[in-house]
Amino acid sequence: MKDLAELHGQCSDLVICDFVCPFEKTRREFNADYLVFVNTINESIYEDTNKFFESPMVFNFEVKHKNSAYYSRMIGDELVRELKKL
């Protein structure tokens, strides 16, 4: 995923990746500029993920409820503010 994101990043200013990343070490290695923690379930349907998942300690935004209309606007507004700072 990281290699693909970097490849697309060479052609675009903005790359959005959406994937389950259960390990803190892997999140650090991915080195996202902005991290959204979607924290809407207590357990995955995948038992192996449940056993190993490490909740992120550092993130930019946390989604706590399943409300895509609300959160997509909130995250979008925050990303626009961040981009204006650059």
N, C-alpha and C. Protein backbone atom coordinates (compact mmCIF):
# COMPACT_ATOMS: atom_id res chain seq x y z
N MET A 1 0.83 -1.19 0.00
CA MET A 1 0.00 0.00 0.00
C MET A 1 0.87 1.25 0.00
N LYS A 2 1.93 1.23 0.80
CA LYS A 2 2.81 2.40 0.87
C LYS A 2 3.45 2.68 -0.48
N ASP A 3 3.95 1.64 -1.15
CA ASP A 3 4.59 1.83 -2.45
C ASP A 3 3.60 2.39 -3.47
N LEU A 4 2.39 1.88 -3.46
CA LEU A 4 1.36 2.36 -4.38
C LEU A 4 1.02 3.83 -4.09
N ALA A 5 0.89 4.18 -2.84
CA ALA A 5 0.60 5.56 -2.46
C ALA A 5 1.73 6.49 -2.90
N GLU A 6 2.96 6.07 -2.69
CA GLU A 6 4.09 6.90 -3.10
C GLU A 6 4.15 7.06 -4.61
N LEU A 7 3.84 6.01 -5.35
CA LEU A 7 3.83 6.07 -6.80
C LEU A 7 2.78 7.08 -7.29
N HIS A 8 1.58 6.99 -6.74
CA HIS A 8 0.52 7.93 -7.13
C HIS A 8 0.84 9.34 -6.63
N GLY A 9 1.52 9.44 -5.51
CA GLY A 9 1.89 10.75 -4.97
C GLY A 9 2.84 11.51 -5.87
N GLN A 10 3.56 10.81 -6.72
CA GLN A 10 4.46 11.47 -7.67
C GLN A 10 3.67 12.19 -8.76
N CYS A 11 2.43 11.76 -8.98
CA CYS A 11 1.60 12.33 -10.04
C CYS A 11 0.48 13.22 -9.51
N SER A 12 0.30 13.26 -8.22
CA SER A 12 -0.82 13.98 -7.62
C SER A 12 -0.39 14.58 -6.29
N ASP A 13 -1.06 15.64 -5.90
CA ASP A 13 -0.78 16.27 -4.61
C ASP A 13 -1.48 15.55 -3.46
N LEU A 14 -2.52 14.79 -3.77
CA LEU A 14 -3.34 14.20 -2.73
C LEU A 14 -3.58 12.72 -3.02
N VAL A 15 -3.27 11.89 -2.05
CA VAL A 15 -3.52 10.45 -2.14
C VAL A 15 -4.24 10.04 -0.87
N ILE A 16 -5.36 9.36 -1.03
CA ILE A 16 -6.11 8.88 0.12
C ILE A 16 -6.08 7.36 0.12
N CYS A 17 -5.66 6.77 1.23
CA CYS A 17 -5.60 5.31 1.39
C CYS A 17 -6.55 4.91 2.50
N ASP A 18 -7.28 3.84 2.27
CA ASP A 18 -8.24 3.34 3.24
C ASP A 18 -7.98 1.86 3.44
N PHE A 19 -7.47 1.50 4.62
CA PHE A 19 -7.19 0.10 4.89
C PHE A 19 -7.06 -0.13 6.38
N VAL A 20 -7.26 -1.38 6.80
CA VAL A 20 -7.08 -1.77 8.19
C VAL A 20 -5.59 -1.97 8.42
N CYS A 21 -5.08 -1.29 9.42
CA CYS A 21 -3.66 -1.39 9.75
C CYS A 21 -3.56 -1.70 11.25
N PRO A 22 -3.54 -2.98 11.62
CA PRO A 22 -3.68 -3.34 13.03
C PRO A 22 -2.45 -3.11 13.90
N PHE A 23 -1.28 -2.87 13.29
CA PHE A 23 -0.05 -2.76 14.07
C PHE A 23 0.49 -1.33 14.08
N GLU A 24 0.85 -0.85 15.25
CA GLU A 24 1.43 0.49 15.39
C GLU A 24 2.71 0.61 14.55
N LYS A 25 3.53 -0.41 14.55
CA LYS A 25 4.77 -0.37 13.77
C LYS A 25 4.49 -0.14 12.29
N THR A 26 3.50 -0.80 11.75
CA THR A 26 3.15 -0.65 10.34
C THR A 26 2.61 0.75 10.06
N ARG A 27 1.83 1.29 10.99
CA ARG A 27 1.32 2.66 10.81
C ARG A 27 2.48 3.66 10.78
N ARG A 28 3.46 3.47 11.66
CA ARG A 28 4.64 4.35 11.66
C ARG A 28 5.39 4.24 10.34
N GLU A 29 5.57 3.02 9.85
CA GLU A 29 6.30 2.81 8.59
C GLU A 29 5.55 3.41 7.41
N PHE A 30 4.23 3.36 7.43
CA PHE A 30 3.44 3.95 6.35
C PHE A 30 3.62 5.46 6.32
N ASN A 31 3.74 6.04 7.51
CA ASN A 31 4.06 7.46 7.66
C ASN A 31 3.06 8.38 6.97
N ALA A 32 1.80 8.21 7.29
CA ALA A 32 0.75 9.04 6.71
C ALA A 32 0.89 10.48 7.19
N ASP A 33 0.54 11.42 6.33
CA ASP A 33 0.53 12.83 6.71
C ASP A 33 -0.67 13.15 7.60
N TYR A 34 -1.74 12.40 7.44
CA TYR A 34 -2.97 12.64 8.19
C TYR A 34 -3.61 11.29 8.44
N LEU A 35 -3.89 10.97 9.70
CA LEU A 35 -4.43 9.67 10.05
C LEU A 35 -5.82 9.80 10.67
N VAL A 36 -6.78 9.10 10.08
CA VAL A 36 -8.14 9.05 10.62
C VAL A 36 -8.32 7.66 11.25
N PHE A 37 -8.63 7.64 12.53
CA PHE A 37 -8.89 6.39 13.25
C PHE A 37 -10.40 6.16 13.25
N VAL A 38 -10.85 5.17 12.50
CA VAL A 38 -12.28 4.83 12.46
C VAL A 38 -12.53 3.82 13.57
N ASN A 39 -13.05 4.33 14.66
CA ASN A 39 -13.22 3.57 15.90
C ASN A 39 -14.71 3.34 16.16
N THR A 40 -15.34 2.56 15.29
CA THR A 40 -16.80 2.41 15.35
C THR A 40 -17.25 1.02 15.77
N ILE A 41 -16.32 0.09 15.97
CA ILE A 41 -16.71 -1.26 16.39
C ILE A 41 -15.82 -1.70 17.55
N ASN A 42 -16.32 -2.60 18.36
CA ASN A 42 -15.53 -3.16 19.46
C ASN A 42 -14.75 -4.38 19.02
N GLU A 43 -15.28 -5.10 18.03
CA GLU A 43 -14.66 -6.32 17.56
C GLU A 43 -14.83 -6.45 16.06
N SER A 44 -13.79 -6.96 15.42
CA SER A 44 -13.84 -7.27 14.00
C SER A 44 -14.50 -8.62 13.80
N ILE A 45 -14.93 -8.91 12.59
CA ILE A 45 -15.44 -10.25 12.31
C ILE A 45 -14.28 -11.23 12.13
N TYR A 46 -13.06 -10.70 12.09
CA TYR A 46 -11.87 -11.52 11.91
C TYR A 46 -11.16 -11.71 13.25
N GLU A 47 -11.20 -12.92 13.76
CA GLU A 47 -10.63 -13.21 15.07
C GLU A 47 -9.14 -12.91 15.14
N ASP A 48 -8.40 -13.18 14.06
CA ASP A 48 -6.96 -12.91 14.09
C ASP A 48 -6.67 -11.42 14.22
N THR A 49 -7.50 -10.58 13.59
CA THR A 49 -7.34 -9.13 13.72
C THR A 49 -7.64 -8.70 15.16
N ASN A 50 -8.67 -9.26 15.75
CA ASN A 50 -9.01 -8.94 17.15
C ASN A 50 -7.86 -9.25 18.09
N LYS A 51 -7.18 -10.35 17.86
CA LYS A 51 -6.10 -10.77 18.75
C LYS A 51 -4.92 -9.81 18.70
N PHE A 52 -4.64 -9.26 17.53
CA PHE A 52 -3.40 -8.50 17.35
C PHE A 52 -3.59 -6.99 17.24
N PHE A 53 -4.82 -6.51 17.10
CA PHE A 53 -5.05 -5.09 16.84
C PHE A 53 -4.53 -4.21 17.98
N GLU A 54 -3.77 -3.21 17.62
CA GLU A 54 -3.26 -2.20 18.57
C GLU A 54 -3.91 -0.86 18.21
N SER A 55 -4.73 -0.33 19.08
CA SER A 55 -5.35 0.96 18.80
C SER A 55 -4.28 2.03 18.65
N PRO A 56 -4.44 2.90 17.67
CA PRO A 56 -3.43 3.95 17.51
C PRO A 56 -3.44 4.91 18.68
N MET A 57 -2.27 5.31 19.10
CA MET A 57 -2.13 6.27 20.20
C MET A 57 -2.10 7.69 19.64
N VAL A 58 -1.66 7.83 18.40
CA VAL A 58 -1.55 9.14 17.76
C VAL A 58 -2.35 9.11 16.46
N PHE A 59 -3.26 10.07 16.30
CA PHE A 59 -4.04 10.20 15.06
C PHE A 59 -4.53 11.63 14.98
N ASN A 60 -4.95 12.03 13.80
CA ASN A 60 -5.42 13.40 13.60
C ASN A 60 -6.91 13.55 13.86
N PHE A 61 -7.66 12.49 13.59
CA PHE A 61 -9.11 12.58 13.72
C PHE A 61 -9.65 11.20 14.08
N GLU A 62 -10.61 11.15 15.00
CA GLU A 62 -11.22 9.89 15.39
C GLU A 62 -12.71 9.89 15.03
N VAL A 63 -13.12 8.89 14.28
CA VAL A 63 -14.53 8.68 13.96
C VAL A 63 -15.07 7.72 15.01
N LYS A 64 -16.08 8.17 15.76
CA LYS A 64 -16.59 7.36 16.88
C LYS A 64 -17.94 6.72 16.60
N HIS A 65 -18.64 7.19 15.57
CA HIS A 65 -19.98 6.68 15.28
C HIS A 65 -20.12 6.48 13.77
N LYS A 66 -20.98 5.58 13.38
CA LYS A 66 -21.23 5.34 11.96
C LYS A 66 -22.19 6.40 11.45
N ASN A 67 -21.62 7.49 10.94
CA ASN A 67 -22.39 8.59 10.39
C ASN A 67 -21.54 9.23 9.30
N SER A 68 -21.51 8.60 8.12
CA SER A 68 -20.59 9.03 7.07
C SER A 68 -20.87 10.45 6.58
N ALA A 69 -22.11 10.86 6.53
CA ALA A 69 -22.42 12.21 6.06
C ALA A 69 -21.81 13.26 6.99
N TYR A 70 -21.95 13.06 8.27
CA TYR A 70 -21.41 13.99 9.26
C TYR A 70 -19.88 13.99 9.24
N TYR A 71 -19.29 12.81 9.35
CA TYR A 71 -17.84 12.73 9.46
C TYR A 71 -17.12 13.09 8.17
N SER A 72 -17.68 12.77 7.02
CA SER A 72 -17.01 13.14 5.78
C SER A 72 -16.91 14.66 5.66
N ARG A 73 -17.93 15.36 6.09
CA ARG A 73 -17.88 16.83 6.06
C ARG A 73 -16.86 17.37 7.08
N MET A 74 -16.88 16.81 8.28
CA MET A 74 -15.95 17.26 9.32
C MET A 74 -14.49 17.03 8.88
N ILE A 75 -14.20 15.84 8.38
CA ILE A 75 -12.84 15.53 7.96
C ILE A 75 -12.46 16.37 6.75
N GLY A 76 -13.37 16.51 5.81
CA GLY A 76 -13.09 17.34 4.63
C GLY A 76 -12.77 18.77 5.01
N ASP A 77 -13.56 19.34 5.90
CA ASP A 77 -13.32 20.73 6.34
C ASP A 77 -11.95 20.85 7.02
N GLU A 78 -11.61 19.87 7.84
CA GLU A 78 -10.32 19.92 8.53
C GLU A 78 -9.16 19.77 7.54
N LEU A 79 -9.32 18.89 6.56
CA LEU A 79 -8.25 18.73 5.56
C LEU A 79 -8.06 20.00 4.74
N VAL A 80 -9.14 20.69 4.41
CA VAL A 80 -9.03 21.96 3.69
C VAL A 80 -8.26 22.96 4.52
N ARG A 81 -8.55 23.05 5.82
CA ARG A 81 -7.82 23.95 6.70
C ARG A 81 -6.32 23.61 6.74
N GLU A 82 -6.02 22.31 6.81
CA GLU A 82 -4.62 21.87 6.84
C GLU A 82 -3.92 22.21 5.53
N LEU A 83 -4.58 22.01 4.42
CA LEU A 83 -3.96 22.30 3.11
C LEU A 83 -3.70 23.79 2.94
N LYS A 84 -4.56 24.63 3.51
CA LYS A 84 -4.36 26.07 3.41
C LYS A 84 -3.12 26.52 4.17
N LYS A 85 -2.72 25.74 5.19
CA LYS A 85 -1.53 26.07 5.95
C LYS A 85 -0.24 25.83 5.16
N LEU A 86 -0.32 24.96 4.16
CA LEU A 86 0.90 24.61 3.39
C LEU A 86 1.32 25.71 2.44
